[in-house]
Amino acid sequence: QVRLVASGGGLVQPGGSLRLACVSSGVNFRIATMKWYRQAPGKQRELVARIDGGGSTEYAVSVEVRFTVSRDYARTTTYLRMNNLKPEDTAVYYCFTRWRERDFWGQGTQVTVSS
């Protein structure tokens, strides 16, 4: 059974940093592509970053340079390091993977950027 458990959200001031984590189980983590999405109030869910099994990464234009996605194969954990956070980064962040033709989502973790 595939399970994704996200953590690490919180309240941070503009310019601050957070690191999100997503622990995976039930997938072959060495080959699974992992993604981070976010959804702000009143907006559609958007792709923030992805990392494939080999470690290649892609980012949304709005976050590249500021955000870094990485993975720890031993801990089957995907991270999203977020630096220089802005109020417009406020959203619920979700980790995601597609495995054996099915989509799986983590439960979401709230990130609020406010002074």
N, C-alpha and C. Protein backbone atom coordinates (compact mmCIF):
# COMPACT_ATOMS: atom_id res chain seq x y z
N GLN A 1 0.86 -1.19 0.00
CA GLN A 1 0.00 0.00 0.00
C GLN A 1 0.89 1.24 0.00
N VAL A 2 0.61 2.13 -0.94
CA VAL A 2 1.41 3.35 -1.06
C VAL A 2 0.94 4.37 -0.04
N ARG A 3 1.92 4.98 0.64
CA ARG A 3 1.59 6.02 1.61
C ARG A 3 2.64 7.12 1.52
N LEU A 4 2.17 8.37 1.51
CA LEU A 4 3.04 9.54 1.52
C LEU A 4 2.67 10.38 2.72
N VAL A 5 3.65 10.69 3.56
CA VAL A 5 3.39 11.47 4.77
C VAL A 5 4.27 12.71 4.74
N ALA A 6 3.61 13.86 4.64
CA ALA A 6 4.32 15.14 4.53
C ALA A 6 4.38 15.84 5.88
N SER A 7 5.44 16.62 6.07
CA SER A 7 5.60 17.38 7.30
C SER A 7 6.50 18.57 7.04
N GLY A 8 6.59 19.46 8.03
CA GLY A 8 7.55 20.56 7.95
C GLY A 8 6.97 21.93 7.70
N GLY A 9 5.67 22.02 7.47
CA GLY A 9 5.09 23.33 7.23
C GLY A 9 5.04 24.17 8.49
N GLY A 10 4.63 25.42 8.33
CA GLY A 10 4.53 26.31 9.48
C GLY A 10 4.38 27.75 9.07
N LEU A 11 4.50 28.61 10.06
CA LEU A 11 4.42 30.06 9.84
C LEU A 11 5.84 30.63 9.82
N VAL A 12 6.13 31.41 8.79
CA VAL A 12 7.47 31.97 8.66
C VAL A 12 7.34 33.40 8.13
N GLN A 13 8.28 34.24 8.49
CA GLN A 13 8.27 35.61 8.01
C GLN A 13 8.82 35.69 6.59
N PRO A 14 8.43 36.70 5.84
CA PRO A 14 9.01 36.88 4.50
C PRO A 14 10.53 36.89 4.56
N GLY A 15 11.15 36.19 3.61
CA GLY A 15 12.59 36.05 3.60
C GLY A 15 13.10 34.85 4.36
N GLY A 16 12.23 34.20 5.10
CA GLY A 16 12.62 33.05 5.89
C GLY A 16 12.70 31.77 5.07
N SER A 17 12.99 30.67 5.78
CA SER A 17 13.17 29.37 5.13
C SER A 17 12.39 28.29 5.86
N LEU A 18 12.04 27.26 5.12
CA LEU A 18 11.44 26.06 5.66
C LEU A 18 11.93 24.88 4.85
N ARG A 19 11.89 23.70 5.47
CA ARG A 19 12.17 22.47 4.74
C ARG A 19 11.02 21.50 4.95
N LEU A 20 10.40 21.13 3.87
CA LEU A 20 9.33 20.13 3.91
C LEU A 20 9.93 18.75 3.66
N ALA A 21 9.29 17.75 4.24
CA ALA A 21 9.71 16.36 4.05
C ALA A 21 8.51 15.51 3.69
N CYS A 22 8.73 14.51 2.87
CA CYS A 22 7.67 13.58 2.48
C CYS A 22 8.26 12.17 2.54
N VAL A 23 7.77 11.38 3.49
CA VAL A 23 8.23 10.01 3.65
C VAL A 23 7.34 9.09 2.83
N SER A 24 7.96 8.27 1.99
CA SER A 24 7.22 7.38 1.10
C SER A 24 7.34 5.95 1.57
N SER A 25 6.28 5.19 1.34
CA SER A 25 6.31 3.75 1.56
C SER A 25 5.42 3.09 0.52
N GLY A 26 5.73 1.84 0.20
CA GLY A 26 4.92 1.10 -0.74
C GLY A 26 5.28 1.31 -2.20
N VAL A 27 6.33 2.08 -2.47
CA VAL A 27 6.82 2.27 -3.84
C VAL A 27 8.29 1.90 -3.89
N ASN A 28 8.77 1.62 -5.10
CA ASN A 28 10.21 1.46 -5.28
C ASN A 28 10.79 2.87 -5.36
N PHE A 29 11.28 3.35 -4.23
CA PHE A 29 11.67 4.76 -4.14
C PHE A 29 12.82 5.09 -5.07
N ARG A 30 13.61 4.08 -5.44
CA ARG A 30 14.77 4.36 -6.28
C ARG A 30 14.39 4.73 -7.71
N ILE A 31 13.17 4.41 -8.12
CA ILE A 31 12.78 4.74 -9.49
C ILE A 31 11.57 5.66 -9.56
N ALA A 32 10.87 5.86 -8.45
CA ALA A 32 9.66 6.68 -8.46
C ALA A 32 9.99 8.16 -8.63
N THR A 33 9.28 8.82 -9.54
CA THR A 33 9.37 10.27 -9.66
C THR A 33 8.49 10.88 -8.58
N MET A 34 9.06 11.82 -7.85
CA MET A 34 8.34 12.49 -6.76
C MET A 34 8.11 13.95 -7.12
N LYS A 35 6.96 14.46 -6.76
CA LYS A 35 6.63 15.84 -7.07
C LYS A 35 6.08 16.55 -5.83
N TRP A 36 6.28 17.85 -5.82
CA TRP A 36 5.65 18.72 -4.84
C TRP A 36 4.70 19.66 -5.57
N TYR A 37 3.47 19.71 -5.09
CA TYR A 37 2.46 20.65 -5.57
C TYR A 37 2.10 21.59 -4.42
N ARG A 38 1.44 22.67 -4.80
CA ARG A 38 0.87 23.55 -3.78
C ARG A 38 -0.46 24.10 -4.27
N GLN A 39 -1.30 24.45 -3.29
CA GLN A 39 -2.60 25.03 -3.61
C GLN A 39 -2.88 26.17 -2.65
N ALA A 40 -2.98 27.37 -3.21
CA ALA A 40 -3.31 28.54 -2.42
C ALA A 40 -4.83 28.72 -2.40
N PRO A 41 -5.35 29.42 -1.41
CA PRO A 41 -6.80 29.62 -1.34
C PRO A 41 -7.34 30.26 -2.62
N GLY A 42 -8.40 29.66 -3.17
CA GLY A 42 -9.02 30.20 -4.37
C GLY A 42 -8.27 29.96 -5.66
N LYS A 43 -7.18 29.19 -5.61
CA LYS A 43 -6.38 28.93 -6.80
C LYS A 43 -6.29 27.45 -7.08
N GLN A 44 -5.91 27.13 -8.31
CA GLN A 44 -5.73 25.73 -8.68
C GLN A 44 -4.42 25.19 -8.11
N ARG A 45 -4.41 23.90 -7.93
CA ARG A 45 -3.18 23.26 -7.49
C ARG A 45 -2.14 23.38 -8.60
N GLU A 46 -0.91 23.71 -8.22
CA GLU A 46 0.14 23.88 -9.22
C GLU A 46 1.37 23.07 -8.85
N LEU A 47 2.08 22.62 -9.88
CA LEU A 47 3.31 21.87 -9.69
C LEU A 47 4.43 22.83 -9.32
N VAL A 48 5.13 22.50 -8.24
CA VAL A 48 6.22 23.34 -7.76
C VAL A 48 7.56 22.78 -8.18
N ALA A 49 7.75 21.47 -7.98
CA ALA A 49 9.05 20.86 -8.27
C ALA A 49 8.86 19.37 -8.45
N ARG A 50 9.79 18.78 -9.20
CA ARG A 50 9.79 17.34 -9.38
C ARG A 50 11.22 16.83 -9.36
N ILE A 51 11.37 15.57 -8.96
CA ILE A 51 12.67 14.93 -8.96
C ILE A 51 12.46 13.49 -9.39
N ASP A 52 13.23 13.05 -10.38
CA ASP A 52 13.04 11.68 -10.84
C ASP A 52 13.96 10.73 -10.07
N GLY A 53 13.88 9.45 -10.42
CA GLY A 53 14.64 8.45 -9.68
C GLY A 53 16.13 8.65 -9.75
N GLY A 54 16.59 9.27 -10.83
CA GLY A 54 18.02 9.52 -10.99
C GLY A 54 18.49 10.81 -10.36
N GLY A 55 17.55 11.58 -9.82
CA GLY A 55 17.90 12.83 -9.18
C GLY A 55 17.79 14.07 -10.04
N SER A 56 17.32 13.94 -11.27
CA SER A 56 17.11 15.12 -12.12
C SER A 56 15.92 15.90 -11.61
N THR A 57 16.04 17.22 -11.67
CA THR A 57 15.02 18.08 -11.07
C THR A 57 14.47 19.09 -12.06
N GLU A 58 13.26 19.51 -11.80
CA GLU A 58 12.62 20.61 -12.55
C GLU A 58 11.83 21.45 -11.56
N TYR A 59 11.69 22.75 -11.90
CA TYR A 59 11.01 23.68 -11.00
C TYR A 59 10.07 24.59 -11.76
N ALA A 60 9.03 25.03 -11.05
CA ALA A 60 8.21 26.11 -11.59
C ALA A 60 9.06 27.38 -11.64
N VAL A 61 8.78 28.20 -12.63
CA VAL A 61 9.56 29.43 -12.80
C VAL A 61 9.50 30.30 -11.55
N SER A 62 8.36 30.30 -10.89
CA SER A 62 8.16 31.18 -9.73
C SER A 62 9.01 30.80 -8.53
N VAL A 63 9.56 29.57 -8.52
CA VAL A 63 10.31 29.13 -7.34
C VAL A 63 11.75 28.75 -7.64
N GLU A 64 12.12 28.63 -8.93
CA GLU A 64 13.48 28.20 -9.22
C GLU A 64 14.46 29.23 -8.65
N VAL A 65 15.61 28.74 -8.23
CA VAL A 65 16.64 29.50 -7.50
C VAL A 65 16.32 29.53 -6.01
N ARG A 66 15.06 29.71 -5.63
CA ARG A 66 14.72 29.81 -4.20
C ARG A 66 14.45 28.45 -3.57
N PHE A 67 13.88 27.51 -4.34
CA PHE A 67 13.50 26.20 -3.81
C PHE A 67 14.45 25.14 -4.34
N THR A 68 14.69 24.10 -3.52
CA THR A 68 15.51 22.97 -3.93
C THR A 68 14.83 21.67 -3.52
N VAL A 69 14.61 20.79 -4.48
CA VAL A 69 14.04 19.48 -4.19
C VAL A 69 15.18 18.47 -4.17
N SER A 70 15.11 17.54 -3.21
CA SER A 70 16.14 16.51 -3.08
C SER A 70 15.50 15.25 -2.52
N ARG A 71 16.27 14.18 -2.51
CA ARG A 71 15.73 12.92 -1.99
C ARG A 71 16.82 12.16 -1.28
N ASP A 72 16.41 11.42 -0.25
CA ASP A 72 17.28 10.55 0.53
C ASP A 72 16.78 9.13 0.30
N TYR A 73 17.55 8.36 -0.45
CA TYR A 73 17.09 7.02 -0.81
C TYR A 73 17.03 6.10 0.41
N ALA A 74 17.94 6.24 1.32
CA ALA A 74 17.97 5.39 2.51
C ALA A 74 16.74 5.63 3.39
N ARG A 75 16.31 6.88 3.46
CA ARG A 75 15.14 7.23 4.29
C ARG A 75 13.85 7.29 3.48
N THR A 76 13.91 6.98 2.19
CA THR A 76 12.76 7.08 1.27
C THR A 76 12.00 8.38 1.50
N THR A 77 12.75 9.45 1.58
CA THR A 77 12.18 10.75 1.90
C THR A 77 12.55 11.77 0.82
N THR A 78 11.58 12.55 0.44
CA THR A 78 11.77 13.65 -0.50
C THR A 78 11.66 14.95 0.27
N TYR A 79 12.57 15.88 -0.03
CA TYR A 79 12.60 17.15 0.68
C TYR A 79 12.32 18.30 -0.28
N LEU A 80 11.79 19.37 0.26
CA LEU A 80 11.67 20.62 -0.48
C LEU A 80 12.21 21.73 0.43
N ARG A 81 13.38 22.20 0.09
CA ARG A 81 13.98 23.29 0.84
C ARG A 81 13.51 24.60 0.20
N MET A 82 12.92 25.47 1.00
CA MET A 82 12.36 26.72 0.50
C MET A 82 13.05 27.89 1.18
N ASN A 83 13.75 28.68 0.40
CA ASN A 83 14.46 29.85 0.90
C ASN A 83 13.82 31.13 0.39
N ASN A 84 14.12 32.22 1.06
CA ASN A 84 13.62 33.54 0.65
C ASN A 84 12.12 33.49 0.38
N LEU A 85 11.39 32.95 1.32
CA LEU A 85 9.96 32.77 1.13
C LEU A 85 9.24 34.11 1.02
N LYS A 86 8.20 34.11 0.19
CA LYS A 86 7.41 35.30 -0.07
C LYS A 86 5.96 35.04 0.33
N PRO A 87 5.19 36.08 0.61
CA PRO A 87 3.78 35.88 0.96
C PRO A 87 3.02 35.07 -0.09
N GLU A 88 3.39 35.22 -1.35
CA GLU A 88 2.70 34.47 -2.40
C GLU A 88 3.04 32.99 -2.42
N ASP A 89 3.99 32.56 -1.58
CA ASP A 89 4.27 31.14 -1.43
C ASP A 89 3.30 30.47 -0.43
N THR A 90 2.48 31.26 0.22
CA THR A 90 1.51 30.72 1.17
C THR A 90 0.55 29.77 0.47
N ALA A 91 0.48 28.54 0.98
CA ALA A 91 -0.34 27.51 0.35
C ALA A 91 -0.26 26.23 1.18
N VAL A 92 -1.10 25.29 0.84
CA VAL A 92 -0.94 23.93 1.33
C VAL A 92 -0.06 23.19 0.33
N TYR A 93 0.99 22.56 0.82
CA TYR A 93 1.94 21.86 -0.04
C TYR A 93 1.69 20.35 0.07
N TYR A 94 1.66 19.70 -1.09
CA TYR A 94 1.39 18.28 -1.18
C TYR A 94 2.53 17.56 -1.90
N CYS A 95 2.90 16.40 -1.39
CA CYS A 95 3.79 15.55 -2.19
C CYS A 95 2.94 14.57 -2.98
N PHE A 96 3.49 14.12 -4.08
CA PHE A 96 2.73 13.31 -5.03
C PHE A 96 3.66 12.33 -5.73
N THR A 97 3.10 11.15 -6.05
CA THR A 97 3.77 10.24 -6.95
C THR A 97 2.73 9.46 -7.74
N ARG A 98 3.12 9.04 -8.91
CA ARG A 98 2.28 8.17 -9.71
C ARG A 98 2.97 6.82 -9.77
N TRP A 99 2.28 5.79 -9.32
CA TRP A 99 2.88 4.47 -9.21
C TRP A 99 1.92 3.44 -9.73
N ARG A 100 2.39 2.62 -10.67
CA ARG A 100 1.56 1.58 -11.29
C ARG A 100 0.23 2.16 -11.78
N GLU A 101 0.35 3.29 -12.48
CA GLU A 101 -0.79 3.93 -13.15
C GLU A 101 -1.82 4.48 -12.19
N ARG A 102 -1.42 4.70 -10.94
CA ARG A 102 -2.33 5.31 -9.97
C ARG A 102 -1.64 6.52 -9.34
N ASP A 103 -2.45 7.52 -9.03
CA ASP A 103 -1.94 8.73 -8.39
C ASP A 103 -2.08 8.64 -6.87
N PHE A 104 -1.03 9.10 -6.18
CA PHE A 104 -1.03 9.08 -4.71
C PHE A 104 -0.58 10.44 -4.20
N TRP A 105 -1.33 10.94 -3.21
CA TRP A 105 -1.05 12.25 -2.62
C TRP A 105 -0.76 12.12 -1.13
N GLY A 106 0.14 12.94 -0.67
CA GLY A 106 0.30 13.10 0.77
C GLY A 106 -0.83 13.94 1.32
N GLN A 107 -0.87 14.10 2.62
CA GLN A 107 -2.01 14.76 3.26
C GLN A 107 -1.94 16.28 3.21
N GLY A 108 -0.83 16.84 2.79
CA GLY A 108 -0.70 18.29 2.73
C GLY A 108 -0.15 18.87 4.02
N THR A 109 0.66 19.91 3.84
CA THR A 109 1.20 20.62 5.00
C THR A 109 1.12 22.12 4.70
N GLN A 110 0.60 22.87 5.66
CA GLN A 110 0.34 24.29 5.45
C GLN A 110 1.62 25.11 5.61
N VAL A 111 1.88 25.96 4.64
CA VAL A 111 2.97 26.93 4.72
C VAL A 111 2.36 28.32 4.66
N THR A 112 2.62 29.12 5.67
CA THR A 112 2.12 30.49 5.73
C THR A 112 3.29 31.45 5.86
N VAL A 113 3.37 32.38 4.92
CA VAL A 113 4.44 33.38 4.92
C VAL A 113 3.81 34.73 5.22
N SER A 114 4.10 35.24 6.40
CA SER A 114 3.46 36.47 6.83
C SER A 114 4.29 37.13 7.92
N SER A 115 4.25 38.46 7.94
CA SER A 115 4.93 39.20 9.00
C SER A 115 3.97 39.51 10.12
